[in-house]
Amino acid sequence: MSTKELLREDMNVAHKKQKILLEERDLLLGSKKSKDKEKALQITHDVARLQDFIMMAENTLKMAD
């Protein structure tokens, strides 16, 4: 497997994880508990990190072509 294929695979995994986290965050935001709100904030940070990775991977793949 080439580096490009591995990067694409990692990018797809990141997309899937991001989708799951966003669904979880939406559920937590509907709660009135402060612990749930804190967890939702942490998930928001995790989603941002995944988005940064996805953008970096897309740019890397564009430059490699």
N, C-alpha and C. Protein backbone atom coordinates (compact mmCIF):
# COMPACT_ATOMS: atom_id res chain seq x y z
N MET A 1 0.84 -1.17 0.00
CA MET A 1 0.00 0.00 0.00
C MET A 1 0.89 1.24 0.00
N SER A 2 0.55 2.19 -0.83
CA SER A 2 1.36 3.40 -0.93
C SER A 2 0.99 4.40 0.17
N THR A 3 1.83 5.37 0.32
CA THR A 3 1.60 6.42 1.31
C THR A 3 0.31 7.18 1.01
N LYS A 4 0.05 7.44 -0.28
CA LYS A 4 -1.17 8.14 -0.66
C LYS A 4 -2.41 7.34 -0.26
N GLU A 5 -2.36 6.03 -0.51
CA GLU A 5 -3.50 5.18 -0.16
C GLU A 5 -3.73 5.17 1.35
N LEU A 6 -2.65 5.10 2.11
CA LEU A 6 -2.76 5.12 3.57
C LEU A 6 -3.34 6.44 4.06
N LEU A 7 -2.90 7.53 3.45
CA LEU A 7 -3.40 8.84 3.83
C LEU A 7 -4.88 8.97 3.51
N ARG A 8 -5.29 8.47 2.34
CA ARG A 8 -6.71 8.50 1.97
C ARG A 8 -7.54 7.66 2.96
N GLU A 9 -7.00 6.51 3.33
CA GLU A 9 -7.68 5.64 4.28
C GLU A 9 -7.83 6.34 5.64
N ASP A 10 -6.74 6.96 6.10
CA ASP A 10 -6.78 7.70 7.37
C ASP A 10 -7.78 8.85 7.30
N MET A 11 -7.84 9.49 6.15
CA MET A 11 -8.76 10.61 5.95
C MET A 11 -10.21 10.11 6.02
N ASN A 12 -10.49 8.97 5.42
CA ASN A 12 -11.84 8.40 5.47
C ASN A 12 -12.23 8.02 6.89
N VAL A 13 -11.30 7.47 7.64
CA VAL A 13 -11.55 7.12 9.04
C VAL A 13 -11.85 8.40 9.84
N ALA A 14 -11.08 9.44 9.58
CA ALA A 14 -11.29 10.72 10.28
C ALA A 14 -12.68 11.29 9.97
N HIS A 15 -13.10 11.18 8.71
CA HIS A 15 -14.44 11.65 8.33
C HIS A 15 -15.52 10.90 9.11
N LYS A 16 -15.38 9.58 9.17
CA LYS A 16 -16.37 8.76 9.87
C LYS A 16 -16.40 9.09 11.37
N LYS A 17 -15.21 9.22 11.97
CA LYS A 17 -15.14 9.55 13.39
C LYS A 17 -15.74 10.92 13.66
N GLN A 18 -15.48 11.86 12.78
CA GLN A 18 -16.00 13.21 12.91
C GLN A 18 -17.54 13.18 12.89
N LYS A 19 -18.11 12.40 11.99
CA LYS A 19 -19.56 12.30 11.89
C LYS A 19 -20.16 11.73 13.18
N ILE A 20 -19.53 10.70 13.72
CA ILE A 20 -20.00 10.08 14.97
C ILE A 20 -19.92 11.08 16.12
N LEU A 21 -18.80 11.80 16.20
CA LEU A 21 -18.62 12.77 17.28
C LEU A 21 -19.64 13.91 17.19
N LEU A 22 -19.94 14.35 15.99
CA LEU A 22 -20.92 15.42 15.82
C LEU A 22 -22.31 14.98 16.28
N GLU A 23 -22.66 13.73 15.98
CA GLU A 23 -23.95 13.21 16.43
C GLU A 23 -23.99 13.13 17.96
N GLU A 24 -22.88 12.67 18.56
CA GLU A 24 -22.81 12.58 20.02
C GLU A 24 -22.89 13.97 20.65
N ARG A 25 -22.18 14.93 20.05
CA ARG A 25 -22.20 16.30 20.56
C ARG A 25 -23.60 16.89 20.52
N ASP A 26 -24.32 16.64 19.43
CA ASP A 26 -25.68 17.16 19.31
C ASP A 26 -26.59 16.61 20.40
N LEU A 27 -26.42 15.34 20.72
CA LEU A 27 -27.20 14.74 21.80
C LEU A 27 -26.85 15.38 23.15
N LEU A 28 -25.56 15.58 23.39
CA LEU A 28 -25.12 16.16 24.66
C LEU A 28 -25.57 17.61 24.81
N LEU A 29 -25.61 18.33 23.72
CA LEU A 29 -26.02 19.74 23.80
C LEU A 29 -27.49 19.87 24.18
N GLY A 30 -28.27 18.83 23.94
CA GLY A 30 -29.67 18.85 24.33
C GLY A 30 -29.88 18.62 25.81
N SER A 31 -28.85 18.21 26.51
CA SER A 31 -28.93 17.92 27.94
C SER A 31 -28.77 19.21 28.75
N LYS A 32 -29.30 19.17 29.96
CA LYS A 32 -29.19 20.34 30.83
C LYS A 32 -28.05 20.19 31.85
N LYS A 33 -27.40 19.05 31.88
CA LYS A 33 -26.31 18.81 32.84
C LYS A 33 -25.05 19.53 32.39
N SER A 34 -24.36 20.14 33.35
CA SER A 34 -23.14 20.87 33.00
C SER A 34 -22.03 19.91 32.56
N LYS A 35 -22.00 18.70 33.11
CA LYS A 35 -20.98 17.72 32.69
C LYS A 35 -21.16 17.36 31.22
N ASP A 36 -22.41 17.26 30.79
CA ASP A 36 -22.68 16.97 29.38
C ASP A 36 -22.24 18.13 28.49
N LYS A 37 -22.43 19.34 28.96
CA LYS A 37 -22.00 20.52 28.20
C LYS A 37 -20.48 20.56 28.08
N GLU A 38 -19.79 20.20 29.17
CA GLU A 38 -18.32 20.14 29.15
C GLU A 38 -17.85 19.07 28.17
N LYS A 39 -18.51 17.93 28.18
CA LYS A 39 -18.16 16.84 27.26
C LYS A 39 -18.41 17.29 25.81
N ALA A 40 -19.49 18.02 25.58
CA ALA A 40 -19.79 18.54 24.25
C ALA A 40 -18.70 19.50 23.78
N LEU A 41 -18.19 20.32 24.69
CA LEU A 41 -17.11 21.23 24.34
C LEU A 41 -15.85 20.46 23.97
N GLN A 42 -15.53 19.42 24.73
CA GLN A 42 -14.36 18.60 24.41
C GLN A 42 -14.52 17.94 23.04
N ILE A 43 -15.73 17.47 22.75
CA ILE A 43 -15.99 16.86 21.45
C ILE A 43 -15.80 17.88 20.34
N THR A 44 -16.22 19.13 20.59
CA THR A 44 -16.03 20.19 19.60
C THR A 44 -14.55 20.39 19.29
N HIS A 45 -13.72 20.34 20.31
CA HIS A 45 -12.27 20.45 20.11
C HIS A 45 -11.74 19.26 19.31
N ASP A 46 -12.22 18.07 19.62
CA ASP A 46 -11.80 16.87 18.89
C ASP A 46 -12.20 16.94 17.42
N VAL A 47 -13.40 17.44 17.17
CA VAL A 47 -13.88 17.59 15.79
C VAL A 47 -13.00 18.58 15.04
N ALA A 48 -12.60 19.66 15.70
CA ALA A 48 -11.73 20.66 15.06
C ALA A 48 -10.37 20.06 14.72
N ARG A 49 -9.84 19.24 15.61
CA ARG A 49 -8.56 18.58 15.33
C ARG A 49 -8.68 17.63 14.14
N LEU A 50 -9.78 16.90 14.09
CA LEU A 50 -10.01 16.00 12.95
C LEU A 50 -10.14 16.80 11.65
N GLN A 51 -10.84 17.93 11.72
CA GLN A 51 -11.00 18.76 10.53
C GLN A 51 -9.64 19.29 10.06
N ASP A 52 -8.79 19.69 10.99
CA ASP A 52 -7.44 20.13 10.63
C ASP A 52 -6.67 19.02 9.93
N PHE A 53 -6.77 17.80 10.46
CA PHE A 53 -6.09 16.66 9.84
C PHE A 53 -6.62 16.40 8.44
N ILE A 54 -7.94 16.44 8.29
CA ILE A 54 -8.56 16.18 6.99
C ILE A 54 -8.10 17.21 5.97
N MET A 55 -8.08 18.48 6.35
CA MET A 55 -7.64 19.53 5.42
C MET A 55 -6.17 19.35 5.06
N MET A 56 -5.34 19.01 6.05
CA MET A 56 -3.92 18.77 5.78
C MET A 56 -3.76 17.60 4.82
N ALA A 57 -4.51 16.55 5.04
CA ALA A 57 -4.41 15.37 4.18
C ALA A 57 -4.86 15.70 2.76
N GLU A 58 -5.94 16.43 2.63
CA GLU A 58 -6.42 16.82 1.29
C GLU A 58 -5.37 17.66 0.57
N ASN A 59 -4.77 18.62 1.27
CA ASN A 59 -3.74 19.45 0.65
C ASN A 59 -2.53 18.63 0.26
N THR A 60 -2.13 17.71 1.12
CA THR A 60 -0.98 16.84 0.82
C THR A 60 -1.26 16.01 -0.41
N LEU A 61 -2.46 15.45 -0.51
CA LEU A 61 -2.80 14.63 -1.67
C LEU A 61 -2.86 15.46 -2.94
N LYS A 62 -3.36 16.69 -2.86
CA LYS A 62 -3.40 17.56 -4.03
C LYS A 62 -1.99 17.88 -4.52
N MET A 63 -1.10 18.14 -3.58
CA MET A 63 0.27 18.49 -3.94
C MET A 63 1.02 17.29 -4.50
N ALA A 64 0.65 16.09 -4.08
CA ALA A 64 1.34 14.87 -4.52
C ALA A 64 0.93 14.47 -5.93
N ASP A 65 -0.25 14.93 -6.38
CA ASP A 65 -0.72 14.55 -7.73
C ASP A 65 -0.06 15.35 -8.81
